[in-house]
Amino acid sequence: MLSEEQNEEGGVAVSGRLWMLLLAGISLVFVGIAVIVVASILLGGSGSVGGVILIGPIPIIFGSGPDALWLVLVGVIVSIISIVLFLVLNRRAGRN
């Protein structure tokens, strides 16, 4: 007999709400990209891009355009906050 948290294959059952949240997040990313592309085509002008990709402990920082420095700085700050939150929440979960 399986517990309520496992499905027939032995994996953990995932709620339908989680799938809807995942689908909504992916959809929002594509809608955002489409809005930026359409605005760039219709309004003209230049665009900037910047970001931070963390692969393990190694950060990859990139940027291009007139406002890339600010975008990279925001990316680094958000990455640092994410890492700190992960460590704090992970430590708190380990205590319970």
Protein backbone atom coordinates (compact mmCIF):
# COMPACT_ATOMS: atom_id res chain seq x y z
CA MET A 1 0.00 0.00 0.00
CA LEU A 2 1.36 3.41 -0.99
CA SER A 3 1.32 6.45 1.21
CA GLU A 4 -0.52 9.55 0.05
CA GLU A 5 2.74 11.27 -0.85
CA GLN A 6 3.88 8.64 -3.36
CA ASN A 7 2.48 7.61 -6.72
CA GLU A 8 2.50 4.18 -8.37
CA GLU A 9 6.05 4.55 -9.76
CA GLY A 10 7.44 5.20 -6.29
CA GLY A 11 8.07 8.91 -6.88
CA VAL A 12 6.61 11.81 -5.02
CA ALA A 13 3.18 12.95 -6.20
CA VAL A 14 3.12 16.51 -7.50
CA SER A 15 0.13 18.72 -6.95
CA GLY A 16 -1.82 20.08 -9.89
CA ARG A 17 -1.36 23.55 -8.43
CA LEU A 18 2.41 23.19 -8.69
CA TRP A 19 2.14 22.30 -12.38
CA MET A 20 -0.14 25.29 -12.98
CA LEU A 21 2.31 27.58 -11.18
CA LEU A 22 5.18 26.22 -13.26
CA LEU A 23 3.21 26.68 -16.47
CA ALA A 24 2.23 30.22 -15.45
CA GLY A 25 5.87 31.12 -14.75
CA ILE A 26 7.09 29.79 -18.08
CA SER A 27 4.24 31.56 -19.87
CA LEU A 28 5.10 34.86 -18.18
CA VAL A 29 8.70 34.56 -19.34
CA PHE A 30 7.61 34.07 -22.95
CA VAL A 31 5.06 36.90 -22.75
CA GLY A 32 7.74 39.21 -21.33
CA ILE A 33 10.15 38.34 -24.12
CA ALA A 34 7.43 38.94 -26.72
CA VAL A 35 6.54 42.34 -25.21
CA ILE A 36 10.18 43.43 -25.23
CA VAL A 37 10.69 42.32 -28.84
CA VAL A 38 7.50 44.03 -30.05
CA ALA A 39 8.31 47.25 -28.16
CA SER A 40 11.83 47.26 -29.57
CA ILE A 41 10.56 46.81 -33.12
CA LEU A 42 7.75 49.37 -32.89
CA LEU A 43 9.49 52.03 -30.82
CA GLY A 44 13.03 51.53 -32.00
CA GLY A 45 15.88 52.40 -29.75
CA SER A 46 18.60 50.39 -28.17
CA GLY A 47 18.33 47.58 -25.72
CA SER A 48 20.52 46.38 -22.92
CA VAL A 49 20.98 42.96 -21.48
CA GLY A 50 22.83 41.73 -18.44
CA GLY A 51 22.75 38.75 -16.18
CA VAL A 52 24.46 36.38 -13.81
CA ILE A 53 24.50 32.60 -14.21
CA LEU A 54 25.64 30.56 -11.23
CA ILE A 55 27.07 27.14 -12.03
CA GLY A 56 27.95 25.77 -8.65
CA PRO A 57 30.30 28.26 -6.99
CA ILE A 58 31.40 29.82 -10.29
CA PRO A 59 29.50 32.95 -11.41
CA ILE A 60 29.28 33.82 -15.10
CA ILE A 61 28.55 37.54 -15.48
CA PHE A 62 27.61 39.06 -18.83
CA GLY A 63 26.16 42.26 -20.21
CA SER A 64 25.83 44.31 -23.37
CA GLY A 65 24.39 47.72 -24.15
CA PRO A 66 24.35 51.17 -22.60
CA ASP A 67 22.72 50.11 -19.31
CA ALA A 68 24.45 46.74 -18.97
CA LEU A 69 26.43 47.77 -15.89
CA TRP A 70 23.25 48.46 -13.92
CA LEU A 71 21.63 45.25 -15.11
CA VAL A 72 24.67 43.20 -14.10
CA LEU A 73 24.78 44.89 -10.68
CA VAL A 74 21.11 44.10 -10.10
CA GLY A 75 21.75 40.51 -11.20
CA VAL A 76 24.66 40.16 -8.78
CA ILE A 77 22.63 41.62 -5.90
CA VAL A 78 19.68 39.32 -6.61
CA SER A 79 22.05 36.34 -6.81
CA ILE A 80 23.63 37.19 -3.46
CA ILE A 81 20.20 37.59 -1.84
CA SER A 82 19.09 34.26 -3.33
CA ILE A 83 22.15 32.45 -2.01
CA VAL A 84 21.74 33.95 1.47
CA LEU A 85 18.04 33.03 1.56
CA PHE A 86 18.85 29.50 0.41
CA LEU A 87 21.44 29.06 3.14
CA VAL A 88 19.22 30.52 5.86
CA LEU A 89 16.15 28.50 4.87
CA ASN A 90 18.22 25.34 4.43
CA ARG A 91 19.74 25.75 7.88
CA ARG A 92 16.30 26.44 9.39
CA ALA A 93 14.83 23.34 7.71
CA GLY A 94 17.70 21.23 9.05
CA ARG A 95 16.84 22.15 12.63
CA ASN A 96 13.26 20.83 12.38
